[in-house]
């Protein structure tokens, strides 16, 4: 779109669609302000705090994802330090504003190109990406899927010969890939679909969807960001990536679990409904291809977590509310719209329940940390999951001092063996490394409180005491409380350092 075109383009109106988008965004922000902070988000905020405190990311504190996952939450931590507004609440507001901004950009682009449906899509984008994520709200995957949307809309306009993807949209798509390399599939699939469409129909060059200002900018952004990571965070490539490739990546849920138990079938059903009731327009095709790319990324990650699935179902829901239901209600496919509406309601109900499954209330653990009587306690854990301590440490006014978020390295090393053992020499070395990190953290960082996972099927205190040096360090701690574990599986013991200071 040229500068002259932009100058001549009509101003985007503020109408009922915009009002609905703003109201939904505000409602979503207010709702999430009162919900428990997801452990993943709390952990990434903790990493951003460490970065601002001049700690070395991937050495002093270790996150498994590329650094953009941490940098996304840096503004929220800065807001907290400058204004006192908690980073968790700042994150909720930041995501809401990003969603509103992207929705507005999409509408303005469609209006400027003379395309129809911009107002409706503005509201639908907010509904899908701010209201429907529920437990996935604030996750890096949600942000990545959201910021890529302008690129996909401009690909649709390319198919309709209304312009080319802009450099700005391409940069956003590149940042989506920088969040997680798997998301390159979501950016690539719509380009390939449009190239195949152009080849089949003869409507323009098939090279244009693959090589245009937007795709070139996306590629340059990805390469440039990797160069930045190599220069600014060399330990990610040198130390963390080999660790992740050795013990984290090989842990994969079976395909049938990903599709059934972990609700991957929801995207498949959404795609089928779009095929039966959708408009088959370039926009529908691009959104479907993008969703398919995100779904392929979900299958490649193979962990089955709800927020991993959301980018795919998010684009499926965009199709549902932005294309399928309006098209079906108009009866343009000659099928009863009630069937489409009923299927939409069922999908939405199942999707919402699955997105909410990760909401866990750890307030009893927060109260137990406060009850130790230590002002701003330093905390680490000996536990299988990072939800033991996140968000409770920050919620209790404490400071995390563990190198790892939990003992995930040991968990993954054990699980990497088909028989659940750790006799493999390489895997045993990673477990030994985890033990060494824990021992060093206790000895050098001297946490005031240690949270110990005492599961029915695995006692992490017994595991820690298997190492004589760690056992001697733990002898300097005394029991300071216990809270029940989630799902009735054991409990969490709080150990307080004998010489830890008290409040006042």
Protein backbone atom coordinates (compact mmCIF):
# COMPACT_ATOMS: atom_id res chain seq x y z
CA UNK A 1 0.00 0.00 0.00
CA UNK A 2 1.59 3.29 -1.07
CA UNK A 3 1.81 6.48 1.00
CA UNK A 4 -0.72 8.12 -1.34
CA UNK A 5 -3.15 5.24 -0.82
CA UNK A 6 -2.76 5.52 2.92
CA UNK A 7 -3.37 9.25 2.86
CA UNK A 8 -6.50 8.78 0.76
CA UNK A 9 -7.84 5.87 2.83
CA UNK A 10 -10.93 6.69 4.90
CA UNK A 11 -10.48 6.86 8.66
CA UNK A 12 -11.50 3.71 10.46
CA UNK A 13 -14.76 4.45 12.29
CA UNK A 14 -15.35 4.00 15.98
CA UNK A 15 -18.67 2.21 15.89
CA UNK A 16 -20.58 -0.60 17.59
CA UNK A 17 -17.94 -3.16 16.54
CA UNK A 18 -15.17 -1.11 18.13
CA UNK A 19 -17.27 -0.53 21.24
CA UNK A 20 -17.89 -4.28 21.52
CA UNK A 21 -14.17 -4.98 21.12
CA UNK A 22 -13.23 -2.49 23.83
CA UNK A 23 -15.89 -3.78 26.23
CA UNK A 24 -14.80 -7.39 25.73
CA UNK A 25 -11.13 -6.46 26.20
CA UNK A 26 -11.85 -4.56 29.41
CA UNK A 27 -13.99 -7.43 30.70
CA UNK A 28 -11.19 -9.90 29.93
CA UNK A 29 -8.60 -7.75 31.71
CA UNK A 30 -10.78 -7.30 34.79
CA UNK A 31 -11.56 -11.03 34.88
CA UNK A 32 -7.92 -12.09 34.64
CA UNK A 33 -6.83 -9.52 37.21
CA UNK A 34 -8.67 -11.61 39.80
CA UNK A 35 -7.61 -15.07 38.55
CA UNK A 36 -4.57 -17.02 39.79
CA UNK A 37 -1.39 -16.26 37.85
CA UNK A 38 -0.31 -19.21 35.72
CA UNK A 39 2.93 -20.76 36.95
CA UNK A 40 4.60 -20.45 33.52
CA UNK A 41 3.88 -16.71 33.42
CA UNK A 42 5.09 -16.19 36.98
CA UNK A 43 8.30 -18.04 36.15
CA UNK A 44 8.95 -15.88 33.07
CA UNK A 45 8.31 -12.73 35.12
CA UNK A 46 10.86 -14.05 37.63
CA UNK A 47 13.37 -14.48 34.80
CA UNK A 48 12.70 -10.92 33.62
CA UNK A 49 13.30 -9.69 37.17
CA UNK A 50 16.61 -11.51 37.29
CA UNK A 51 17.61 -9.97 33.97
CA UNK A 52 16.89 -6.46 35.30
CA UNK A 53 18.89 -7.31 38.42
CA UNK A 54 21.94 -7.92 36.18
CA UNK A 55 21.74 -11.68 36.55
CA UNK A 56 22.94 -13.68 33.57
CA UNK A 57 20.02 -15.35 31.85
CA UNK A 58 20.71 -19.04 31.04
CA UNK A 59 23.46 -19.14 33.69
CA UNK A 60 22.28 -17.62 36.96
CA UNK A 61 18.70 -18.52 36.12
CA UNK A 62 17.80 -21.03 33.43
CA UNK A 63 14.75 -20.95 31.16
CA UNK A 64 14.27 -23.57 28.44
CA UNK A 65 12.75 -21.25 25.82
CA UNK A 66 14.56 -18.71 23.62
CA UNK A 67 15.04 -15.29 25.27
CA UNK A 68 12.13 -13.54 23.54
CA UNK A 69 9.88 -15.54 25.88
CA UNK A 70 11.50 -13.69 28.78
CA UNK A 71 11.84 -10.33 27.04
CA UNK A 72 8.06 -10.28 26.42
CA UNK A 73 7.52 -9.83 30.16
CA UNK A 74 10.29 -7.27 30.70
CA UNK A 75 7.93 -4.27 30.16
CA UNK A 76 5.60 -5.57 32.88
CA UNK A 77 8.47 -5.83 35.37
CA UNK A 78 9.64 -2.33 34.42
CA UNK A 79 6.13 -1.01 35.04
CA UNK A 80 6.16 -2.67 38.47
CA UNK A 81 9.44 -1.07 39.41
CA UNK A 82 8.50 2.36 38.11
CA UNK A 83 4.91 2.54 39.38
CA UNK A 84 4.44 -0.20 41.96
CA UNK A 85 1.75 -1.90 39.86
CA UNK A 86 2.38 -5.63 40.14
CA UNK A 87 3.97 -7.20 37.07
CA UNK A 88 1.22 -9.82 36.98
CA UNK A 89 -1.46 -7.14 36.63
CA UNK A 90 0.71 -5.16 34.21
CA UNK A 91 0.97 -8.32 32.09
CA UNK A 92 -2.81 -8.68 32.02
CA UNK A 93 -3.21 -5.06 30.87
CA UNK A 94 -0.33 -5.32 28.38
CA UNK A 95 -1.86 -8.38 26.70
CA UNK A 96 -5.24 -6.65 26.54
CA UNK A 97 -3.76 -3.59 24.87
CA UNK A 98 -1.82 -5.73 22.38
CA UNK A 99 -5.03 -7.56 21.50
CA UNK A 100 -6.95 -4.32 21.00
CA UNK A 101 -4.11 -2.86 18.96
CA UNK A 102 -3.84 -5.87 16.65
CA UNK A 103 -7.62 -5.96 16.17
CA UNK A 104 -7.61 -2.29 15.23
CA UNK A 105 -4.67 -2.71 12.84
CA UNK A 106 -6.47 -5.59 11.11
CA UNK A 107 -9.63 -3.54 10.66
CA UNK A 108 -7.75 -0.49 9.37
CA UNK A 109 -5.89 -2.63 6.85
CA UNK A 110 -9.08 -4.23 5.57
CA UNK A 111 -10.87 -0.87 5.37
CA UNK A 112 -7.95 0.73 3.54
CA UNK A 113 -8.01 -2.08 0.98
CA UNK A 114 -11.77 -1.74 0.46
CA UNK A 115 -12.44 -5.22 1.88
CA UNK A 116 -15.65 -6.06 3.70
CA UNK A 117 -16.07 -7.39 7.22
CA UNK A 118 -13.37 -5.33 8.93
CA UNK A 119 -15.62 -4.21 11.77
CA UNK A 120 -16.86 -7.69 12.54
CA UNK A 121 -13.32 -9.08 12.43
CA UNK A 122 -12.13 -6.39 14.87
CA UNK A 123 -14.60 -7.63 17.46
CA UNK A 124 -13.99 -11.30 16.66
CA UNK A 125 -10.21 -10.94 17.11
CA UNK A 126 -10.74 -9.54 20.62
CA UNK A 127 -13.29 -12.24 21.44
CA UNK A 128 -11.01 -15.06 20.30
CA UNK A 129 -7.64 -13.81 21.55
CA UNK A 130 -8.62 -12.05 24.76
CA UNK A 131 -11.84 -13.65 26.01
CA UNK A 132 -11.58 -17.27 24.90
CA UNK A 133 -7.98 -18.12 25.93
CA UNK A 134 -9.04 -18.26 29.61
CA UNK A 135 -6.17 -20.21 31.25
CA UNK A 136 -3.92 -19.55 28.26
CA UNK A 137 -4.27 -15.77 28.66
CA UNK A 138 -0.87 -14.11 28.94
CA UNK A 139 1.09 -17.07 27.65
CA UNK A 140 3.84 -16.38 25.11
CA UNK A 141 2.10 -18.69 22.62
CA UNK A 142 -1.03 -16.54 22.75
CA UNK A 143 1.03 -13.41 22.08
CA UNK A 144 2.91 -15.06 19.20
CA UNK A 145 -0.31 -16.18 17.49
CA UNK A 146 -1.84 -12.74 17.96
CA UNK A 147 1.00 -10.64 16.55
CA UNK A 148 1.20 -12.81 13.41
CA UNK A 149 -2.41 -12.03 12.45
CA UNK A 150 -1.72 -8.81 10.46
CA UNK A 151 0.65 -10.78 8.22
CA UNK A 152 -2.04 -13.38 7.50
CA UNK A 153 -4.63 -10.68 6.73
CA UNK A 154 -2.23 -9.06 4.29
CA UNK A 155 -1.60 -12.44 2.65
CA UNK A 156 -5.35 -12.64 2.06
CA UNK A 157 -5.30 -9.19 0.48
CA UNK A 158 -2.41 -10.35 -1.71
CA UNK A 159 -4.58 -13.23 -2.96
CA UNK A 160 -7.32 -10.74 -3.79
CA UNK A 161 -4.78 -8.49 -5.53
CA UNK A 162 -5.39 -5.66 -3.06
CA UNK A 163 -1.77 -5.18 -2.01
CA UNK A 164 1.27 -7.00 -0.65
CA UNK A 165 2.29 -7.94 2.89
CA UNK A 166 4.07 -4.97 4.45
CA UNK A 167 7.46 -4.96 6.10
CA UNK A 168 5.86 -4.19 9.47
CA UNK A 169 3.54 -7.21 9.23
CA UNK A 170 6.49 -9.35 8.18
CA UNK A 171 8.52 -8.22 11.19
CA UNK A 172 5.65 -9.22 13.49
CA UNK A 173 5.45 -12.64 11.79
CA UNK A 174 9.22 -13.01 12.27
CA UNK A 175 8.86 -12.21 15.96
CA UNK A 176 6.16 -14.89 16.19
CA UNK A 177 8.74 -17.41 14.95
CA UNK A 178 11.36 -15.95 17.32
CA UNK A 179 9.11 -16.84 20.25
CA UNK A 180 9.13 -20.50 19.21
CA UNK A 181 10.91 -21.90 16.12
CA UNK A 182 8.03 -24.35 15.62
CA UNK A 183 5.81 -21.43 14.62
CA UNK A 184 7.66 -21.09 11.33
CA UNK A 185 5.12 -23.67 10.11
CA UNK A 186 2.24 -21.30 10.85
CA UNK A 187 3.92 -18.55 8.81
CA UNK A 188 4.98 -20.89 6.01
CA UNK A 189 1.76 -22.88 5.46
CA UNK A 190 -0.41 -19.92 4.30
CA UNK A 191 2.36 -18.82 1.90
CA UNK A 192 2.58 -22.31 0.44
CA UNK A 193 -1.21 -22.56 0.19
CA UNK A 194 -1.42 -19.29 -1.71
CA UNK A 195 1.47 -20.32 -3.97
CA UNK A 196 -0.33 -23.59 -4.78
CA UNK A 197 -3.57 -21.68 -5.35
CA UNK A 198 -1.89 -19.28 -7.76
CA UNK A 199 -0.25 -22.20 -9.60
CA UNK A 200 -3.57 -24.04 -9.88
CA UNK A 201 -5.73 -21.09 -10.93
CA UNK A 202 -3.15 -19.12 -12.89
CA UNK A 203 -4.07 -16.00 -10.93
CA UNK A 204 -0.67 -14.34 -10.71
CA UNK A 205 2.79 -15.67 -10.08
CA UNK A 206 3.12 -18.50 -7.57
CA UNK A 207 6.39 -16.92 -6.41
CA UNK A 208 4.71 -13.78 -5.09
CA UNK A 209 3.24 -15.37 -1.92
CA UNK A 210 6.69 -16.75 -1.12
CA UNK A 211 8.81 -13.72 -1.99
CA UNK A 212 7.35 -10.33 -1.10
CA UNK A 213 8.28 -7.52 1.31
CA UNK A 214 6.44 -9.23 4.17
CA UNK A 215 7.99 -12.69 3.86
CA UNK A 216 11.45 -11.24 3.26
CA UNK A 217 11.09 -9.03 6.35
CA UNK A 218 9.93 -12.05 8.35
CA UNK A 219 12.96 -14.08 7.29
CA UNK A 220 15.38 -11.24 8.05
CA UNK A 221 13.77 -10.73 11.46
CA UNK A 222 14.19 -14.39 12.38
CA UNK A 223 17.84 -14.48 11.28
CA UNK A 224 18.64 -11.13 12.91
CA UNK A 225 17.06 -12.20 16.19
CA UNK A 226 19.06 -15.43 16.23
CA UNK A 227 22.19 -13.36 15.71
CA UNK A 228 21.15 -11.15 18.63
CA UNK A 229 20.61 -14.22 20.82
CA UNK A 230 24.04 -15.59 19.87
CA UNK A 231 25.72 -12.31 20.81
CA UNK A 232 23.68 -11.37 23.89
CA UNK A 233 22.93 -14.83 25.32
CA UNK A 234 25.69 -17.20 24.13
CA UNK A 235 25.03 -19.61 26.99
CA UNK A 236 21.63 -20.41 25.51
CA UNK A 237 23.28 -22.09 22.52
CA UNK A 238 26.29 -23.38 24.43
CA UNK A 239 24.74 -24.78 27.60
CA UNK A 240 20.93 -24.73 27.61
CA UNK A 241 20.08 -25.87 24.08
CA UNK A 242 22.11 -29.12 24.39
CA UNK A 243 20.35 -29.79 27.71
CA UNK A 244 16.91 -29.18 26.18
CA UNK A 245 17.67 -31.34 23.14
CA UNK A 246 18.97 -34.16 25.34
CA UNK A 247 16.20 -34.47 27.93
CA UNK A 248 13.29 -32.14 27.13
CA UNK A 249 12.62 -32.57 23.42
CA UNK A 250 12.59 -36.42 23.48
CA UNK A 251 9.69 -36.48 25.97
CA UNK A 252 6.65 -36.78 23.72
CA UNK A 253 3.06 -37.67 24.44
CA UNK A 254 1.61 -40.33 22.11
CA UNK A 255 -0.30 -39.04 19.11
CA UNK A 256 -3.58 -40.52 20.34
CA UNK A 257 -3.16 -38.68 23.66
CA UNK A 258 -2.44 -35.39 21.89
CA UNK A 259 -5.57 -35.80 19.79
CA UNK A 260 -8.00 -37.22 22.35
CA UNK A 261 -7.02 -36.75 26.00
CA UNK A 262 -5.29 -33.43 25.30
CA UNK A 263 -8.17 -32.23 23.10
CA UNK A 264 -6.30 -31.81 19.82
CA UNK A 265 -9.41 -33.10 18.07
CA UNK A 266 -11.04 -29.72 18.75
CA UNK A 267 -8.98 -28.09 16.01
CA UNK A 268 -9.75 -30.94 13.62
CA UNK A 269 -13.47 -30.49 14.27
CA UNK A 270 -13.19 -26.72 13.81
CA UNK A 271 -11.48 -27.27 10.48
CA UNK A 272 -14.18 -29.73 9.41
CA UNK A 273 -16.95 -27.29 10.36
CA UNK A 274 -15.19 -24.56 8.39
CA UNK A 275 -15.00 -26.87 5.38
CA UNK A 276 -18.72 -27.67 5.57
CA UNK A 277 -20.09 -24.22 6.38
CA UNK A 278 -17.35 -21.73 5.55
CA UNK A 279 -17.07 -19.31 2.65
CA UNK A 280 -13.94 -20.74 0.95
CA UNK A 281 -12.66 -17.16 0.53
CA UNK A 282 -8.91 -16.36 0.53
CA UNK A 283 -9.23 -15.07 4.12
CA UNK A 284 -10.79 -18.35 5.25
CA UNK A 285 -8.11 -20.32 3.41
CA UNK A 286 -5.25 -18.31 4.91
CA UNK A 287 -6.64 -18.56 8.45
CA UNK A 288 -7.17 -22.31 8.03
CA UNK A 289 -3.61 -22.77 6.73
CA UNK A 290 -2.20 -20.71 9.61
CA UNK A 291 -4.19 -22.76 12.11
CA UNK A 292 -2.94 -25.94 10.49
CA UNK A 293 0.63 -24.66 10.88
CA UNK A 294 0.07 -23.94 14.56
CA UNK A 295 -1.52 -27.37 14.95
CA UNK A 296 1.54 -28.99 13.37
CA UNK A 297 3.67 -27.05 15.88
CA UNK A 298 1.48 -28.41 18.69
CA UNK A 299 2.03 -31.96 17.45
CA UNK A 300 5.78 -31.39 17.07
CA UNK A 301 6.10 -30.11 20.63
CA UNK A 302 4.07 -33.14 21.72
CA UNK A 303 3.57 -32.06 25.33
CA UNK A 304 -0.21 -31.70 25.13
CA UNK A 305 -0.47 -28.62 27.32
CA UNK A 306 -3.56 -26.45 26.72
CA UNK A 307 -1.63 -23.27 25.94
CA UNK A 308 0.37 -25.17 23.30
CA UNK A 309 -2.92 -26.01 21.58
CA UNK A 310 -4.45 -22.54 21.82
CA UNK A 311 -2.74 -20.93 18.78
CA UNK A 312 -4.28 -23.64 16.57
CA UNK A 313 -7.73 -23.56 18.16
CA UNK A 314 -7.52 -19.76 18.25
CA UNK A 315 -7.31 -19.62 14.48
CA UNK A 316 -9.99 -22.28 14.24
CA UNK A 317 -12.22 -20.09 16.41
CA UNK A 318 -11.40 -17.08 14.24
CA UNK A 319 -12.74 -19.08 11.33
CA UNK A 320 -15.77 -20.12 13.34
CA UNK A 321 -16.87 -16.65 14.49
CA UNK A 322 -15.47 -14.60 11.64
CA UNK A 323 -16.52 -16.73 8.70
CA UNK A 324 -18.43 -19.94 9.43
CA UNK A 325 -21.29 -18.67 11.61
CA UNK A 326 -22.08 -15.56 9.51
CA UNK A 327 -21.89 -17.67 6.34
CA UNK A 328 -23.97 -20.50 7.78
CA UNK A 329 -26.59 -18.14 9.23
CA UNK A 330 -27.03 -16.63 5.79
CA UNK A 331 -27.75 -20.15 4.51
CA UNK A 332 -25.25 -19.86 1.69
CA UNK A 333 -24.24 -23.51 1.87
CA UNK A 334 -27.80 -24.79 1.74
CA UNK A 335 -27.42 -26.52 5.12
CA UNK A 336 -29.46 -25.81 8.27
CA UNK A 337 -27.58 -23.17 10.30
CA UNK A 338 -28.81 -24.69 13.55
CA UNK A 339 -26.39 -27.60 13.08
CA UNK A 340 -23.43 -25.24 12.74
CA UNK A 341 -24.55 -23.21 15.77
CA UNK A 342 -25.00 -26.37 17.88
CA UNK A 343 -21.57 -27.70 16.90
CA UNK A 344 -20.06 -24.28 17.65
CA UNK A 345 -21.61 -24.29 21.13
CA UNK A 346 -20.31 -27.78 21.89
CA UNK A 347 -16.80 -26.96 20.64
CA UNK A 348 -16.72 -23.73 22.61
CA UNK A 349 -17.81 -25.47 25.82
CA UNK A 350 -15.19 -28.21 25.51
CA UNK A 351 -12.51 -25.72 24.52
CA UNK A 352 -13.27 -23.47 27.49
CA UNK A 353 -13.17 -26.35 29.96
CA UNK A 354 -9.82 -27.49 28.58
CA UNK A 355 -8.30 -24.01 28.72
CA UNK A 356 -9.37 -23.68 32.37
CA UNK A 357 -7.87 -26.99 33.51
CA UNK A 358 -4.50 -25.36 34.27
CA UNK A 359 -5.89 -22.82 36.74
CA UNK A 360 -4.53 -23.94 40.10
CA UNK A 361 -5.05 -22.07 43.35
CA UNK A 362 -1.79 -22.17 45.29
CA UNK A 363 -2.88 -19.54 47.82
CA UNK A 364 -2.48 -22.06 50.73
CA UNK A 365 1.21 -22.34 49.84
CA UNK A 366 1.48 -18.54 49.61
CA UNK A 367 -0.03 -18.21 53.10
CA UNK A 368 2.33 -20.87 54.43
CA UNK A 369 5.37 -18.97 53.11
CA UNK A 370 4.08 -15.77 54.74
CA UNK A 371 3.46 -17.70 57.97
CA UNK A 372 7.19 -18.47 58.30
CA UNK A 373 7.48 -14.89 59.53
CA UNK A 374 10.43 -14.05 57.31
CA UNK A 375 10.34 -10.64 55.65
CA UNK A 376 10.86 -11.01 51.88
CA UNK A 377 12.11 -14.59 52.13
CA UNK A 378 14.43 -16.10 49.57
CA UNK A 379 12.98 -19.30 48.18
CA UNK A 380 13.81 -22.32 46.03
CA UNK A 381 12.18 -25.71 45.61
CA UNK A 382 12.95 -29.40 45.39
CA UNK A 383 9.96 -30.42 43.32
CA UNK A 384 8.90 -31.98 40.04
CA UNK A 385 6.95 -28.96 38.78
CA UNK A 386 7.52 -25.22 38.88
CA UNK A 387 4.00 -24.62 40.14
CA UNK A 388 5.53 -25.44 43.54
CA UNK A 389 6.79 -21.93 44.16
CA UNK A 390 5.39 -20.04 41.20
CA UNK A 391 3.46 -17.82 41.66
CA UNK A 392 3.53 -18.37 45.45
CA UNK A 393 7.02 -16.91 45.92
CA UNK A 394 6.15 -13.56 44.34
CA UNK A 395 2.66 -13.56 45.83
CA UNK A 396 4.21 -13.94 49.30
CA UNK A 397 6.61 -11.05 48.68
CA UNK A 398 9.56 -13.40 48.40
CA UNK A 399 12.48 -13.65 46.00
CA UNK A 400 13.35 -16.74 43.99
CA UNK A 401 17.00 -17.85 44.23
CA UNK A 402 16.92 -21.20 42.42
CA UNK A 403 18.84 -21.62 39.18
CA UNK A 404 16.10 -23.88 37.81
CA UNK A 405 12.36 -23.43 38.19
CA UNK A 406 12.16 -26.93 39.65
CA UNK A 407 13.91 -30.27 39.23
CA UNK A 408 12.62 -30.67 35.67
CA UNK A 409 16.02 -31.81 34.48
CA UNK A 410 15.90 -34.89 36.69
CA UNK A 411 12.23 -35.55 35.86
CA UNK A 412 12.91 -35.41 32.13
CA UNK A 413 16.05 -37.54 32.45
CA UNK A 414 14.12 -40.26 34.26
CA UNK A 415 11.25 -40.09 31.78
CA UNK A 416 13.59 -40.21 28.78
CA UNK A 417 14.21 -43.87 29.55
CA UNK A 418 11.47 -46.22 28.31
CA UNK A 419 11.67 -48.17 31.58
CA UNK A 420 11.68 -45.01 33.67
CA UNK A 421 15.21 -45.65 34.91
CA UNK A 422 18.31 -43.51 34.74
CA UNK A 423 21.01 -46.07 34.07
CA UNK A 424 21.89 -44.45 30.77
CA UNK A 425 25.25 -42.76 31.30
CA UNK A 426 24.32 -39.52 29.55
CA UNK A 427 21.02 -39.23 31.39
CA UNK A 428 22.70 -40.03 34.69
CA UNK A 429 25.13 -37.19 34.00
CA UNK A 430 22.22 -34.74 33.64
CA UNK A 431 20.74 -35.91 36.94
CA UNK A 432 24.14 -35.46 38.56
CA UNK A 433 24.28 -31.97 37.09
CA UNK A 434 20.86 -31.16 38.55
CA UNK A 435 22.03 -32.38 41.95
CA UNK A 436 25.16 -30.24 41.70
CA UNK A 437 23.12 -27.14 40.83
CA UNK A 438 20.78 -27.76 43.77
CA UNK A 439 23.70 -28.29 46.14
CA UNK A 440 25.38 -25.09 44.95
CA UNK A 441 22.17 -23.07 45.19
CA UNK A 442 21.59 -24.12 48.81
CA UNK A 443 25.23 -23.59 49.82
CA UNK A 444 25.86 -20.28 48.06
CA UNK A 445 22.44 -18.62 47.82
CA UNK A 446 21.28 -19.83 51.23
CA UNK A 447 17.51 -19.76 50.68
CA UNK A 448 15.43 -18.85 53.71
CA UNK A 449 12.72 -21.32 52.68
CA UNK A 450 12.91 -24.53 50.67
CA UNK A 451 9.68 -25.98 49.27
CA UNK A 452 9.87 -29.78 49.09
CA UNK A 453 7.48 -31.90 47.05
CA UNK A 454 6.57 -35.00 49.12
CA UNK A 455 4.54 -36.89 46.53
CA UNK A 456 2.98 -40.25 47.27
CA UNK A 457 4.83 -41.80 44.33
CA UNK A 458 8.14 -39.94 44.69
CA UNK A 459 9.65 -38.29 47.75
CA UNK A 460 11.88 -35.42 46.62
CA UNK A 461 13.30 -34.94 50.11
CA UNK A 462 14.55 -38.52 50.04
CA UNK A 463 15.98 -37.92 46.56
CA UNK A 464 17.83 -34.82 47.75
CA UNK A 465 19.22 -36.58 50.81
CA UNK A 466 20.71 -39.34 48.67
CA UNK A 467 23.55 -36.89 48.08
CA UNK A 468 25.54 -36.65 51.36
CA UNK A 469 26.63 -33.03 50.83
CA UNK A 470 23.07 -31.92 50.11
CA UNK A 471 21.85 -33.86 53.15
CA UNK A 472 24.33 -31.98 55.38
CA UNK A 473 23.11 -28.67 53.98
CA UNK A 474 19.49 -29.65 54.62
CA UNK A 475 20.36 -30.45 58.23
CA UNK A 476 20.51 -26.69 58.70
CA UNK A 477 16.78 -26.40 57.95
CA UNK A 478 13.79 -27.04 60.19
CA UNK A 479 10.16 -27.94 59.32
CA UNK A 480 8.08 -24.76 58.99
CA UNK A 481 4.75 -25.97 57.71
CA UNK A 482 3.03 -28.26 55.23
CA UNK A 483 0.30 -27.77 52.65
CA UNK A 484 -1.66 -30.37 50.75
CA UNK A 485 -0.54 -31.30 47.26
CA UNK A 486 -2.77 -30.79 44.24
CA UNK A 487 -5.21 -33.61 43.56
CA UNK A 488 -4.62 -35.16 46.95
CA UNK A 489 -1.15 -36.47 46.05
CA UNK A 490 1.06 -36.00 49.10
CA UNK A 491 1.97 -32.51 50.20
CA UNK A 492 4.48 -29.68 50.12
CA UNK A 493 6.81 -29.35 53.11
CA UNK A 494 8.28 -25.96 53.95
CA UNK A 495 11.80 -26.06 55.39
CA UNK A 496 13.10 -22.90 57.07
CA UNK A 497 16.80 -22.17 57.47
CA UNK A 498 17.57 -22.30 61.17
CA UNK A 499 19.33 -18.91 61.21
CA UNK A 500 16.90 -17.14 58.80
CA UNK A 501 15.85 -13.67 59.94
CA UNK A 502 12.27 -12.85 60.92
CA UNK A 503 10.02 -9.93 60.11
CA UNK A 504 10.42 -6.75 62.13
